[in-house]
N, C-alpha and C. Protein backbone atom coordinates (compact mmCIF):
# COMPACT_ATOMS: atom_id res chain seq x y z
N MET A 1 0.55 -1.02 -0.04
CA MET A 1 -0.08 -0.21 -0.14
C MET A 1 0.65 1.19 0.13
N PHE A 2 0.49 2.11 -0.78
CA PHE A 2 1.23 3.30 -0.94
C PHE A 2 0.59 4.81 -0.24
N CYS A 3 1.82 4.95 0.81
CA CYS A 3 0.71 6.45 1.51
C CYS A 3 0.84 7.50 0.66
N CYS A 4 1.40 7.72 -0.05
CA CYS A 4 1.63 9.52 -0.66
C CYS A 4 1.64 9.37 -2.10
N ALA A 5 1.40 10.31 -2.91
CA ALA A 5 2.23 10.32 -4.01
C ALA A 5 3.82 10.33 -4.21
N HIS A 6 4.63 10.34 -3.70
CA HIS A 6 5.86 10.10 -3.41
C HIS A 6 6.15 8.88 -3.79
N ASP A 7 5.71 8.39 -2.92
CA ASP A 7 6.23 6.69 -2.56
C ASP A 7 5.39 6.00 -4.26
N GLN A 8 4.20 6.33 -4.85
CA GLN A 8 3.88 5.63 -5.77
C GLN A 8 4.25 6.17 -7.24
N ALA A 9 5.30 7.47 -7.47
CA ALA A 9 6.03 7.84 -8.17
C ALA A 9 7.50 6.94 -7.62
N ALA A 10 8.04 7.15 -6.93
CA ALA A 10 9.00 6.27 -6.54
C ALA A 10 8.78 4.77 -6.74
N ALA A 11 7.59 4.11 -6.39
CA ALA A 11 7.40 3.00 -6.86
C ALA A 11 7.78 2.85 -8.53
N ALA A 12 6.66 3.79 -9.43
CA ALA A 12 7.10 3.49 -10.89
C ALA A 12 8.46 4.00 -11.65
N VAL A 13 9.17 5.05 -11.06
CA VAL A 13 10.42 5.32 -11.58
C VAL A 13 11.49 3.94 -11.33
N PHE A 14 11.72 3.57 -9.91
CA PHE A 14 12.70 2.15 -10.03
C PHE A 14 12.03 0.77 -10.50
N SER A 15 10.56 0.93 -10.86
CA SER A 15 10.03 -0.23 -11.93
C SER A 15 10.58 0.19 -13.17
N ARG A 16 10.67 0.52 -13.44
CA ARG A 16 11.60 0.87 -14.77
C ARG A 16 12.93 0.51 -14.92
N LEU A 17 13.18 1.07 -13.48
CA LEU A 17 15.13 0.49 -13.76
C LEU A 17 15.55 -1.01 -13.04
N ALA A 18 14.01 -1.54 -13.06
CA ALA A 18 14.67 -3.02 -12.21
C ALA A 18 15.56 -3.90 -12.96
N PHE A 19 14.88 -3.72 -14.29
CA PHE A 19 15.45 -4.99 -15.33
C PHE A 19 17.12 -4.93 -15.15
N TRP A 20 17.25 -3.28 -15.05
CA TRP A 20 18.96 -2.76 -15.84
C TRP A 20 19.31 -3.14 -14.49
N TYR A 21 18.81 -2.88 -13.36
CA TYR A 21 19.73 -3.15 -12.02
C TYR A 21 20.35 -4.37 -11.97
N ARG A 22 19.29 -5.33 -12.21
CA ARG A 22 19.84 -6.79 -12.01
C ARG A 22 20.65 -7.21 -13.37
N GLN A 23 20.55 -6.95 -14.37
CA GLN A 23 21.43 -6.76 -15.31
C GLN A 23 23.00 -6.45 -14.81
N ARG A 24 22.92 -5.19 -14.60
CA ARG A 24 24.18 -4.54 -14.11
C ARG A 24 24.85 -5.31 -12.65
N TYR A 25 23.93 -5.67 -11.96
CA TYR A 25 24.89 -6.71 -10.77
C TYR A 25 25.37 -8.10 -11.38
N ARG A 26 24.42 -8.18 -12.59
CA ARG A 26 24.92 -9.65 -12.80
C ARG A 26 26.15 -9.68 -13.31
N TRP A 27 26.67 -8.63 -14.24
CA TRP A 27 27.67 -8.57 -14.81
C TRP A 27 29.09 -7.78 -14.16
N LEU A 28 28.43 -7.00 -13.37
CA LEU A 28 29.56 -5.97 -12.24
C LEU A 28 29.52 -6.54 -10.81
N GLY A 29 29.18 -7.01 -10.55
CA GLY A 29 29.04 -7.55 -9.06
C GLY A 29 28.54 -5.75 -8.30
N LEU A 30 29.03 -6.17 -7.01
CA LEU A 30 28.66 -4.68 -6.16
C LEU A 30 28.76 -3.88 -6.27
N GLU A 31 28.20 -2.44 -5.96
CA GLU A 31 28.84 -1.31 -6.56
C GLU A 31 30.13 -1.14 -5.22
N ARG A 32 30.34 -0.01 -5.69
CA ARG A 32 31.63 0.34 -4.65
C ARG A 32 31.09 0.34 -3.26
N THR A 33 29.77 1.43 -3.74
CA THR A 33 29.33 1.51 -1.94
C THR A 33 29.35 -0.06 -0.58
N GLN A 34 28.56 -0.49 -1.86
CA GLN A 34 28.12 -1.98 -1.12
C GLN A 34 29.60 -2.84 -0.44
N ARG A 35 30.52 -2.41 -1.38
CA ARG A 35 31.76 -3.58 -1.17
C ARG A 35 32.13 -2.83 0.11
N GLN A 36 32.14 -1.26 0.57
CA GLN A 36 32.20 -0.52 1.59
C GLN A 36 31.52 -0.51 2.68
N LEU A 37 29.97 -1.16 2.81
CA LEU A 37 28.90 -1.76 3.62
C LEU A 37 29.63 -3.04 4.04
N VAL A 38 29.99 -3.76 3.15
CA VAL A 38 30.50 -5.19 3.12
C VAL A 38 31.75 -5.14 4.48
N VAL A 39 32.81 -4.84 3.68
CA VAL A 39 33.89 -4.19 4.73
C VAL A 39 33.71 -3.66 6.39
N GLY A 40 32.59 -2.61 6.22
CA GLY A 40 32.27 -2.45 7.63
C GLY A 40 31.27 -3.48 8.21
N LEU A 41 30.81 -4.05 7.76
CA LEU A 41 29.97 -5.31 8.57
C LEU A 41 30.81 -6.26 9.30
N ALA A 42 31.63 -6.74 7.96
CA ALA A 42 33.06 -7.62 8.06
C ALA A 42 33.89 -7.25 9.62
N LYS A 43 33.86 -6.25 9.95
CA LYS A 43 34.47 -5.40 11.07
C LYS A 43 33.57 -5.97 12.50
N PHE A 44 32.85 -5.75 12.19
CA PHE A 44 31.48 -6.07 13.09
C PHE A 44 31.14 -7.63 13.31
N GLY A 45 30.96 -8.27 12.62
CA GLY A 45 30.22 -9.59 12.24
C GLY A 45 29.61 -10.00 11.44
N TYR A 46 28.51 -10.26 10.68
CA TYR A 46 27.53 -10.92 9.95
C TYR A 46 27.26 -12.59 9.56
N GLN A 47 28.11 -12.99 10.10
CA GLN A 47 28.09 -14.44 10.41
C GLN A 47 27.00 -14.74 10.80
N ASP A 48 26.04 -15.60 10.40
CA ASP A 48 24.74 -16.22 11.05
C ASP A 48 23.46 -15.05 11.64
N ALA A 49 24.02 -14.10 11.33
CA ALA A 49 23.09 -12.68 11.46
C ALA A 49 21.51 -12.78 10.36
N ARG A 50 20.56 -12.55 11.11
CA ARG A 50 19.29 -12.40 10.15
C ARG A 50 19.18 -10.35 10.01
N LEU A 51 18.67 -10.47 8.53
CA LEU A 51 19.04 -9.39 8.12
C LEU A 51 17.87 -8.42 7.46
N LEU A 52 17.60 -7.19 7.34
CA LEU A 52 16.25 -6.60 7.49
C LEU A 52 16.67 -5.85 6.51
N GLU A 53 16.33 -5.38 4.95
CA GLU A 53 17.01 -4.65 3.90
C GLU A 53 15.81 -3.71 3.93
N ILE A 54 16.04 -2.38 4.23
CA ILE A 54 14.81 -1.17 3.38
C ILE A 54 15.13 -0.79 2.11
N GLY A 55 13.99 -0.33 1.47
CA GLY A 55 14.79 0.07 0.16
C GLY A 55 15.75 -1.24 -0.58
N CYS A 56 15.30 -2.68 -0.22
CA CYS A 56 16.08 -3.68 -0.89
C CYS A 56 16.11 -3.65 -2.61
N GLY A 57 15.68 -3.49 -3.45
CA GLY A 57 15.79 -3.47 -4.61
C GLY A 57 15.85 -4.65 -4.97
N VAL A 58 16.92 -4.91 -6.12
CA VAL A 58 16.82 -6.59 -6.72
C VAL A 58 17.39 -7.23 -6.04
N GLY A 59 17.97 -7.20 -4.30
CA GLY A 59 18.71 -7.93 -3.61
C GLY A 59 19.88 -7.97 -3.38
N TRP A 60 20.80 -7.10 -4.71
CA TRP A 60 22.17 -7.28 -4.63
C TRP A 60 22.59 -8.08 -3.16
N LEU A 61 23.09 -6.44 -2.36
CA LEU A 61 23.18 -6.86 -1.11
C LEU A 61 22.83 -7.80 -0.05
N HIS A 62 21.63 -8.23 -0.33
CA HIS A 62 21.57 -8.95 1.39
C HIS A 62 21.35 -10.60 0.87
N GLN A 63 21.86 -10.47 -0.82
CA GLN A 63 21.73 -11.89 -0.97
C GLN A 63 23.12 -11.69 -1.00
N TRP A 64 24.25 -11.03 -1.26
CA TRP A 64 25.30 -11.31 -1.46
C TRP A 64 26.13 -11.78 0.28
N LEU A 65 25.47 -11.18 1.30
CA LEU A 65 25.58 -11.36 2.76
C LEU A 65 25.12 -12.71 3.17
N LEU A 66 24.09 -12.95 2.39
CA LEU A 66 23.09 -14.49 3.03
C LEU A 66 24.46 -15.64 1.78
N ARG A 67 24.91 -15.14 1.59
CA ARG A 67 25.72 -16.26 -0.09
C ARG A 67 26.93 -16.45 0.79
N HIS A 68 27.20 -15.23 1.75
CA HIS A 68 28.54 -15.42 2.40
C HIS A 68 28.49 -15.78 4.40
N GLY A 69 27.58 -15.79 4.29
CA GLY A 69 27.69 -16.43 6.22
C GLY A 69 26.12 -15.77 6.64
N ALA A 70 25.22 -15.06 6.59
CA ALA A 70 25.04 -14.62 7.07
C ALA A 70 23.58 -15.23 6.91
N ALA A 71 22.49 -15.20 7.91
CA ALA A 71 21.52 -16.88 8.62
C ALA A 71 20.36 -16.37 7.41
N SER A 72 19.02 -15.08 7.71
CA SER A 72 18.00 -14.87 6.73
C SER A 72 18.25 -13.48 6.61
N ALA A 73 17.17 -13.32 5.61
CA ALA A 73 16.85 -11.61 5.45
C ALA A 73 15.31 -11.60 4.68
N VAL A 74 15.02 -10.38 5.41
CA VAL A 74 13.74 -9.69 4.84
C VAL A 74 13.89 -8.62 4.26
N GLY A 75 13.15 -8.64 2.47
CA GLY A 75 13.99 -7.32 1.80
C GLY A 75 11.97 -6.49 2.51
N VAL A 76 12.19 -5.61 1.98
CA VAL A 76 11.21 -4.49 1.58
C VAL A 76 11.64 -3.69 0.88
N ASP A 77 10.01 -3.20 -0.31
CA ASP A 77 10.48 -2.16 -1.48
C ASP A 77 9.10 -1.85 -1.81
N LEU A 78 9.25 -0.40 -2.31
CA LEU A 78 8.28 0.08 -3.18
C LEU A 78 7.64 -0.85 -3.89
N SER A 79 8.99 -1.02 -5.01
CA SER A 79 8.88 -1.47 -6.60
C SER A 79 8.33 -2.79 -6.45
N PRO A 80 7.36 -3.22 -6.77
CA PRO A 80 7.02 -4.57 -7.47
C PRO A 80 8.23 -4.91 -8.47
N ARG A 81 8.33 -4.52 -8.75
CA ARG A 81 9.26 -5.30 -10.29
C ARG A 81 10.58 -5.07 -9.62
N MET A 82 11.23 -4.51 -8.32
CA MET A 82 12.20 -4.51 -7.81
C MET A 82 12.21 -5.59 -7.06
N LEU A 83 11.23 -6.11 -6.17
CA LEU A 83 10.89 -7.31 -5.44
C LEU A 83 10.59 -8.45 -6.66
N ALA A 84 10.13 -8.28 -7.69
CA ALA A 84 9.89 -9.73 -8.91
C ALA A 84 11.65 -10.15 -9.04
N GLU A 85 12.27 -9.22 -9.34
CA GLU A 85 13.53 -9.35 -9.67
C GLU A 85 14.45 -9.91 -8.97
N ALA A 86 14.42 -9.39 -7.39
CA ALA A 86 14.54 -9.66 -6.20
C ALA A 86 14.21 -11.76 -6.01
N GLU A 87 13.35 -11.88 -6.33
CA GLU A 87 12.68 -13.05 -5.97
C GLU A 87 13.31 -13.70 -6.85
N ALA A 88 13.35 -13.55 -8.45
CA ALA A 88 14.48 -14.41 -9.44
C ALA A 88 15.46 -14.27 -9.25
N LEU A 89 15.91 -13.75 -8.52
CA LEU A 89 17.62 -13.65 -8.50
C LEU A 89 17.80 -14.16 -7.24
N ALA A 90 16.90 -14.40 -6.23
CA ALA A 90 16.94 -15.14 -4.87
C ALA A 90 16.75 -16.93 -5.67
N ARG A 91 16.20 -16.99 -6.43
CA ARG A 91 16.12 -18.33 -6.94
C ARG A 91 17.21 -18.69 -7.51
N THR A 92 17.73 -17.47 -8.34
CA THR A 92 18.79 -17.72 -9.07
C THR A 92 20.00 -18.87 -8.37
N TYR A 93 20.47 -18.25 -6.87
CA TYR A 93 21.49 -18.37 -5.67
C TYR A 93 20.72 -19.85 -4.97
N ARG A 94 19.74 -20.05 -5.09
CA ARG A 94 18.26 -20.93 -4.13
C ARG A 94 18.57 -19.94 -2.78
N LEU A 95 18.57 -19.15 -2.71
CA LEU A 95 18.02 -18.22 -1.63
C LEU A 95 16.66 -18.18 -1.07
N GLU A 96 15.75 -18.69 -2.38
CA GLU A 96 14.50 -18.45 -1.72
C GLU A 96 13.77 -19.06 0.03
N ARG A 97 14.42 -19.79 0.18
CA ARG A 97 13.73 -20.26 1.65
C ARG A 97 14.30 -19.45 2.91
N ARG A 98 15.54 -18.64 2.69
CA ARG A 98 15.97 -17.51 3.27
C ARG A 98 15.61 -16.34 3.32
N VAL A 99 14.88 -15.84 2.66
CA VAL A 99 14.17 -14.42 2.51
C VAL A 99 13.05 -14.45 1.95
N ARG A 100 12.25 -13.40 2.82
CA ARG A 100 11.00 -13.49 2.27
C ARG A 100 10.90 -11.64 2.19
N TYR A 101 10.25 -11.73 1.53
CA TYR A 101 9.95 -10.10 0.77
C TYR A 101 8.71 -9.54 1.10
N LEU A 102 8.84 -8.14 1.37
CA LEU A 102 7.54 -7.18 0.89
C LEU A 102 7.35 -5.95 0.75
N GLY A 103 6.37 -5.67 -0.70
CA GLY A 103 6.42 -4.49 -1.32
C GLY A 103 5.60 -3.56 -0.21
N GLY A 104 5.91 -2.50 -0.53
CA GLY A 104 5.21 -1.02 0.07
C GLY A 104 5.97 -0.10 1.36
N ASP A 105 5.55 0.66 1.76
CA ASP A 105 6.42 1.40 2.17
C ASP A 105 6.68 0.79 4.13
N PHE A 106 8.22 1.46 3.62
CA PHE A 106 8.70 0.35 5.47
C PHE A 106 7.81 1.14 6.75
N LEU A 107 7.76 1.98 7.01
CA LEU A 107 7.15 2.90 7.83
C LEU A 107 5.31 2.12 8.30
N ASP A 108 4.89 1.61 7.06
CA ASP A 108 3.41 1.04 7.09
C ASP A 108 3.67 -0.05 7.15
N LEU A 109 4.44 -0.78 7.19
CA LEU A 109 4.62 -2.16 7.55
C LEU A 109 5.71 -2.45 8.25
N ALA A 110 6.39 -1.43 9.33
CA ALA A 110 7.10 -2.04 10.41
C ALA A 110 6.33 -2.86 11.27
N ASP A 111 5.41 -2.72 11.77
CA ASP A 111 4.27 -3.66 12.53
C ASP A 111 4.81 -4.68 12.56
N ARG A 112 4.38 -5.15 11.40
CA ARG A 112 4.45 -7.05 10.41
C ARG A 112 6.04 -7.11 10.13
N ILE A 113 6.38 -6.91 10.66
CA ILE A 113 8.14 -7.15 10.74
C ILE A 113 9.12 -7.53 11.89
N GLU A 114 9.80 -8.40 12.02
CA GLU A 114 10.01 -8.64 13.26
C GLU A 114 11.80 -7.76 12.99
N ALA A 115 11.99 -7.76 14.57
CA ALA A 115 13.16 -7.08 14.32
C ALA A 115 14.57 -8.27 13.46
N ALA A 116 15.61 -7.19 13.50
CA ALA A 116 16.68 -8.07 12.55
C ALA A 116 17.86 -7.84 13.85
N ASP A 117 19.14 -9.09 13.51
CA ASP A 117 20.21 -8.22 13.99
C ASP A 117 20.74 -6.83 13.16
N ILE A 118 20.87 -7.10 11.69
CA ILE A 118 21.42 -6.13 10.89
C ILE A 118 20.10 -5.61 10.55
N VAL A 119 20.50 -3.99 10.23
CA VAL A 119 18.91 -3.28 9.38
C VAL A 119 20.19 -2.45 8.28
N LEU A 120 19.60 -2.58 7.25
CA LEU A 120 20.71 -2.32 5.60
C LEU A 120 19.93 -1.42 5.22
N LEU A 121 20.29 0.08 4.96
CA LEU A 121 19.75 0.87 3.83
C LEU A 121 20.87 1.54 2.97
N ASP A 122 20.77 0.77 1.89
CA ASP A 122 21.58 1.29 0.86
C ASP A 122 21.36 1.92 0.03
N LYS A 123 21.47 3.26 0.46
CA LYS A 123 20.85 4.07 -0.94
C LYS A 123 19.82 4.56 -0.96
N VAL A 124 19.15 4.50 0.38
CA VAL A 124 17.62 4.96 0.42
C VAL A 124 17.33 6.15 1.04
N ILE A 125 17.74 6.89 2.15
CA ILE A 125 17.26 8.06 3.00
C ILE A 125 17.64 8.53 1.91
N CYS A 126 18.23 8.93 0.94
CA CYS A 126 18.00 9.77 -0.02
C CYS A 126 16.91 9.89 -0.84
N CYS A 127 15.93 9.30 -1.05
CA CYS A 127 15.15 8.39 -1.75
C CYS A 127 13.33 9.01 -0.66
N TYR A 128 14.04 9.27 0.32
CA TYR A 128 13.02 9.65 1.36
C TYR A 128 12.50 10.83 1.72
N PRO A 129 11.41 11.45 1.85
CA PRO A 129 11.39 12.67 2.17
C PRO A 129 11.38 13.02 4.03
N ASP A 130 11.31 11.80 4.59
CA ASP A 130 11.75 12.62 6.37
C ASP A 130 12.10 11.18 6.51
N ALA A 131 13.81 11.18 5.93
CA ALA A 131 14.67 10.41 7.15
C ALA A 131 14.45 10.27 7.95
N THR A 132 14.06 11.45 9.21
CA THR A 132 14.24 10.88 10.58
C THR A 132 13.39 9.67 10.91
N ALA A 133 12.13 9.96 10.27
CA ALA A 133 10.82 9.47 10.70
C ALA A 133 11.20 7.55 10.49
N LEU A 134 12.14 7.74 9.13
CA LEU A 134 12.47 6.23 8.38
C LEU A 134 13.53 5.83 9.76
N LEU A 135 14.67 6.38 9.62
CA LEU A 135 15.74 5.92 10.85
C LEU A 135 15.61 5.67 12.36
N ARG A 136 14.68 6.22 12.77
CA ARG A 136 14.34 5.82 14.48
C ARG A 136 13.45 4.53 14.07
N GLN A 137 12.42 4.51 12.98
CA GLN A 137 12.06 3.21 12.95
C GLN A 137 12.95 2.10 12.73
N ALA A 138 13.87 1.99 11.78
CA ALA A 138 15.07 1.51 11.34
C ALA A 138 15.95 1.19 12.61
N ILE A 139 16.17 2.22 13.85
CA ILE A 139 17.18 1.78 14.74
C ILE A 139 16.18 0.71 15.84
N ALA A 140 15.02 1.03 15.38
CA ALA A 140 14.12 0.94 16.61
C ALA A 140 14.03 -0.89 16.14
N LYS A 141 13.84 -1.62 14.75
CA LYS A 141 14.28 -2.45 14.75
C LYS A 141 15.75 -3.43 14.63
N ALA A 142 16.68 -3.17 14.62
CA ALA A 142 18.16 -3.53 14.67
C ALA A 142 18.15 -3.89 15.97
N GLU A 143 18.93 -4.70 16.29
CA GLU A 143 19.43 -5.27 17.97
C GLU A 143 21.06 -5.25 17.86
N ARG A 144 21.65 -5.55 16.81
CA ARG A 144 23.11 -5.53 16.58
C ARG A 144 23.65 -4.01 15.88
N ALA A 145 23.50 -3.88 14.69
CA ALA A 145 23.85 -2.69 13.75
C ALA A 145 22.99 -2.28 12.99
N VAL A 146 23.28 -0.78 11.90
CA VAL A 146 22.77 -0.31 10.94
C VAL A 146 23.71 -0.01 10.40
N ALA A 147 23.56 -0.28 8.91
CA ALA A 147 24.50 -0.04 7.84
C ALA A 147 24.24 0.42 6.80
N LEU A 148 24.38 1.77 6.37
CA LEU A 148 23.55 2.61 5.78
C LEU A 148 24.45 3.46 4.53
N THR A 149 24.19 4.06 3.16
CA THR A 149 24.78 4.64 2.94
C THR A 149 24.06 5.67 2.01
N TYR A 150 24.14 7.02 2.39
CA TYR A 150 23.68 8.67 1.47
C TYR A 150 24.87 9.27 1.13
N PRO A 151 23.94 10.55 0.16
CA PRO A 151 24.62 11.05 -0.58
C PRO A 151 25.73 11.95 0.51
N ARG A 152 26.79 12.42 0.10
CA ARG A 152 27.31 14.00 0.83
C ARG A 152 27.00 14.61 0.69
N ARG A 153 26.72 15.76 1.41
CA ARG A 153 26.58 16.83 1.25
C ARG A 153 27.58 18.06 0.88
N HIS A 154 27.81 18.16 -0.39
CA HIS A 154 28.28 18.92 -0.99
C HIS A 154 27.74 19.95 -2.11
N ARG A 155 29.31 20.90 -3.02
CA ARG A 155 28.40 21.33 -3.90
C ARG A 155 27.95 21.05 -5.04
N LEU A 156 29.23 19.49 -5.10
CA LEU A 156 28.36 18.81 -6.35
C LEU A 156 27.04 17.68 -6.85
N ASN A 157 27.30 17.25 -5.19
CA ASN A 157 25.94 16.61 -5.06
C ASN A 157 24.61 17.62 -5.10
N ARG A 158 24.60 18.86 -4.40
CA ARG A 158 23.45 19.64 -4.96
C ARG A 158 22.90 19.84 -6.13
N LEU A 159 24.59 20.30 -6.96
CA LEU A 159 23.95 20.59 -8.76
C LEU A 159 23.60 19.78 -8.68
N LEU A 160 23.85 18.03 -8.43
CA LEU A 160 23.27 17.04 -9.39
C LEU A 160 22.22 16.59 -8.89
N HIS A 161 21.68 16.60 -7.87
CA HIS A 161 20.61 16.19 -7.12
C HIS A 161 18.88 17.75 -7.70
N GLY A 162 19.76 18.62 -7.85
CA GLY A 162 18.97 19.97 -7.99
C GLY A 162 18.34 20.07 -9.06
N GLY A 163 19.56 19.24 -10.45
CA GLY A 163 19.33 19.22 -11.67
C GLY A 163 18.57 17.68 -12.07
N LEU A 164 18.80 16.99 -11.31
CA LEU A 164 17.92 15.89 -11.33
C LEU A 164 16.18 15.83 -10.64
N ASN A 165 16.30 16.75 -9.90
CA ASN A 165 14.81 16.74 -9.23
C ASN A 165 14.01 18.13 -10.32
N ARG A 166 14.91 18.45 -10.98
CA ARG A 166 14.06 19.59 -11.85
C ARG A 166 13.75 18.71 -13.47
N LEU A 167 14.30 17.80 -13.61
CA LEU A 167 14.36 16.84 -14.73
C LEU A 167 13.35 15.96 -14.13
N LEU A 168 13.11 15.40 -13.36
CA LEU A 168 11.73 14.64 -12.39
C LEU A 168 10.26 15.54 -12.57
N ALA A 169 10.53 16.75 -12.24
CA ALA A 169 9.52 17.69 -12.28
C ALA A 169 9.34 17.62 -13.71
N TRP A 170 9.56 18.26 -14.18
CA TRP A 170 10.01 18.15 -15.88
C TRP A 170 8.85 16.98 -16.26
N LEU A 171 9.02 16.32 -16.17
CA LEU A 171 8.43 14.91 -16.17
C LEU A 171 7.41 14.77 -16.35
N GLY A 172 6.82 15.14 -15.10
CA GLY A 172 5.87 15.04 -14.55
C GLY A 172 5.85 14.28 -13.14
N SER A 173 6.74 13.75 -12.76
CA SER A 173 6.58 12.95 -11.62
C SER A 173 6.77 13.77 -10.18
N ASP A 174 6.46 13.16 -9.39
CA ASP A 174 6.73 13.21 -7.93
C ASP A 174 7.62 12.89 -6.75
N PHE A 175 8.32 11.70 -7.72
CA PHE A 175 9.43 11.42 -6.48
C PHE A 175 10.79 12.89 -6.44
N ARG A 176 10.98 12.69 -5.70
CA ARG A 176 12.31 13.52 -5.45
C ARG A 176 13.61 12.83 -4.82
N THR A 177 14.96 13.43 -5.12
CA THR A 177 15.64 13.06 -4.03
C THR A 177 16.42 13.91 -3.40
N TYR A 178 16.95 13.77 -2.26
CA TYR A 178 16.93 13.90 -0.95
C TYR A 178 18.27 14.57 -0.54
N LEU A 179 19.06 15.98 -0.07
CA LEU A 179 20.01 15.51 0.29
C LEU A 179 20.25 15.91 2.00
N HIS A 180 20.00 14.89 2.69
CA HIS A 180 20.15 14.28 4.18
C HIS A 180 21.35 14.91 5.11
N ASP A 181 21.26 15.94 6.47
CA ASP A 181 22.65 16.21 7.00
C ASP A 181 22.89 15.07 7.97
N PRO A 182 24.75 14.95 7.49
CA PRO A 182 25.14 13.77 8.06
C PRO A 182 24.98 14.21 9.76
N ALA A 183 25.31 15.76 10.13
CA ALA A 183 24.87 15.11 11.43
C ALA A 183 24.17 15.04 12.30
N VAL A 184 22.32 15.47 11.04
CA VAL A 184 21.54 14.93 12.20
C VAL A 184 21.13 13.49 11.89
N VAL A 185 21.63 12.63 10.89
CA VAL A 185 22.06 11.43 10.69
C VAL A 185 22.63 10.66 11.78
N GLU A 186 23.75 11.07 12.17
CA GLU A 186 24.17 10.96 13.44
C GLU A 186 23.74 10.63 14.36
N ARG A 187 23.49 12.03 14.97
CA ARG A 187 22.57 12.42 15.82
C ARG A 187 21.64 11.65 16.26
N LEU A 188 20.62 11.04 15.29
CA LEU A 188 19.54 10.07 15.73
C LEU A 188 20.35 8.88 16.23
N PHE A 189 21.49 8.27 15.70
CA PHE A 189 22.22 7.23 16.91
C PHE A 189 22.62 7.66 17.96
N LEU A 190 23.48 8.73 18.34
CA LEU A 190 24.14 8.62 19.09
C LEU A 190 23.50 9.49 20.29
N GLU A 191 21.79 9.88 19.84
CA GLU A 191 21.32 9.89 20.90
C GLU A 191 20.38 8.12 21.84
N ARG A 192 20.49 7.63 20.90
CA ARG A 192 20.10 6.20 21.51
C ARG A 192 21.27 5.28 21.71
N GLU A 193 22.52 5.89 22.09
CA GLU A 193 23.58 5.29 22.55
C GLU A 193 24.27 4.17 21.64
N TRP A 194 24.02 4.27 20.39
CA TRP A 194 24.52 4.13 19.23
C TRP A 194 26.23 4.92 19.28
N GLU A 195 27.11 3.90 18.81
CA GLU A 195 28.48 4.57 18.18
C GLU A 195 28.50 4.11 16.88
N LYS A 196 29.07 4.99 16.33
CA LYS A 196 29.81 4.63 14.68
C LYS A 196 31.14 3.74 14.72
N ARG A 197 31.11 3.10 13.98
CA ARG A 197 32.05 1.55 13.82
C ARG A 197 32.94 2.03 12.75
N PHE A 198 32.29 2.54 11.57
CA PHE A 198 32.48 2.71 10.70
C PHE A 198 32.61 3.57 9.53
N GLU A 199 33.58 4.18 8.98
CA GLU A 199 33.28 4.85 7.48
C GLU A 199 33.78 5.02 6.55
N ALA A 200 33.63 4.94 5.69
CA ALA A 200 33.94 5.53 4.43
C ALA A 200 33.12 6.07 3.73
N LYS A 201 34.06 6.66 2.07
CA LYS A 201 33.62 7.88 0.96
C LYS A 201 33.88 7.33 0.22
N THR A 202 32.68 7.93 -1.54
CA THR A 202 33.82 8.10 -2.69
C THR A 202 33.28 9.34 -2.82
N VAL A 203 34.10 9.46 -3.84
CA VAL A 203 33.19 11.14 -4.31
C VAL A 203 31.69 11.92 -4.18
N SER A 204 30.62 10.63 -3.66
CA SER A 204 29.30 10.97 -4.19
C SER A 204 29.09 10.92 -2.75
N TRP A 205 29.13 9.74 -2.16
CA TRP A 205 28.51 8.68 -0.94
C TRP A 205 29.20 8.56 0.20
N LEU A 206 28.30 8.76 1.01
CA LEU A 206 29.01 8.41 2.40
C LEU A 206 28.45 6.99 2.87
N THR A 207 29.45 6.43 3.45
CA THR A 207 29.44 4.41 3.74
C THR A 207 29.09 4.82 5.71
N GLN A 208 28.35 4.61 6.38
CA GLN A 208 28.62 4.28 7.75
C GLN A 208 28.28 2.64 8.81
N VAL A 209 28.20 2.45 9.69
CA VAL A 209 28.06 1.69 10.18
C VAL A 209 27.71 1.73 11.79
N PHE A 210 26.65 1.91 11.80
CA PHE A 210 26.61 1.85 13.30
C PHE A 210 26.27 0.64 14.29
N VAL A 211 26.78 0.72 15.53
CA VAL A 211 26.43 -0.45 16.70
C VAL A 211 25.72 0.11 17.99
N GLN A 212 24.86 -0.85 18.36
CA GLN A 212 24.76 -0.62 19.84
C GLN A 212 26.06 -0.72 20.69
N VAL A 213 25.87 0.33 21.49
CA VAL A 213 27.02 0.33 22.54
C VAL A 213 26.99 -1.01 22.95
N LYS A 214 26.13 -1.44 24.28
CA LYS A 214 26.37 -2.36 24.80
C LYS A 214 26.64 -3.55 23.88
N VAL A 215 26.51 -3.69 22.50
CA VAL A 215 26.79 -4.73 21.67
C VAL A 215 27.86 -4.48 21.10
N SER A 216 28.53 -3.51 21.07
CA SER A 216 30.18 -2.63 20.48
C SER A 216 31.03 -3.22 21.30
N GLY A 217 30.66 -3.24 22.71
CA GLY A 217 32.35 -3.70 23.89
C GLY A 217 32.01 -5.02 23.99
N THR A 218 31.12 -5.87 23.05
CA THR A 218 31.43 -7.15 23.49
C THR A 218 31.42 -8.19 21.82
N ARG A 219 31.40 -7.57 21.00
CA ARG A 219 31.56 -8.19 19.79
C ARG A 219 32.92 -7.20 18.79
N ARG A 220 34.12 -7.25 19.58
CA ARG A 220 34.87 -6.19 18.63
C ARG A 220 35.57 -7.41 17.61
N GLY A 221 35.75 -7.06 16.42
CA GLY A 221 36.68 -8.66 15.82
C GLY A 221 36.07 -8.55 14.58
């Protein structure tokens, strides 16, 4: 169920890209930011972990982690076509018994989703107008760690996202992208006594892994 015009527009945009996203992964593998997330999670440990990926797309990231030691996963996405591609990819790797997919806005579905060891948000909060609400609910569902990537807030990204949003408006789409303040993002975790364990950057993206302090003190390495 879609809560608003933005959700409907986002689902439409990403449904058009779903096939190409799967083909890109088939030929090129994980994106650089996703490889950074894997490095950050490896420092903390994801073996036998239960995963929840919000905005899971075609399933690249959580399925890679399942193939390399994670136990199970739930994937949530607005786009039905993205989820169809994720299910097909899961069958390719014989992961269908270890992963479950839900379509819709995560905030609408949260009550139906159990807590997970690790919550993943790869390039998600930049597609969501209320990042604070999304992150609060994501943190509430995470028992050990939250790993996310989102755009860095600098002039180049402002120009790129501004241009993209003008194009989307010209095309008649209600979907928009957002540059959320990393200081606000980090404060949401720090206020809940989480610590930033890992950070990496590309020209455009910021990759971070946060862990609960009580977990951080007992699961190093």
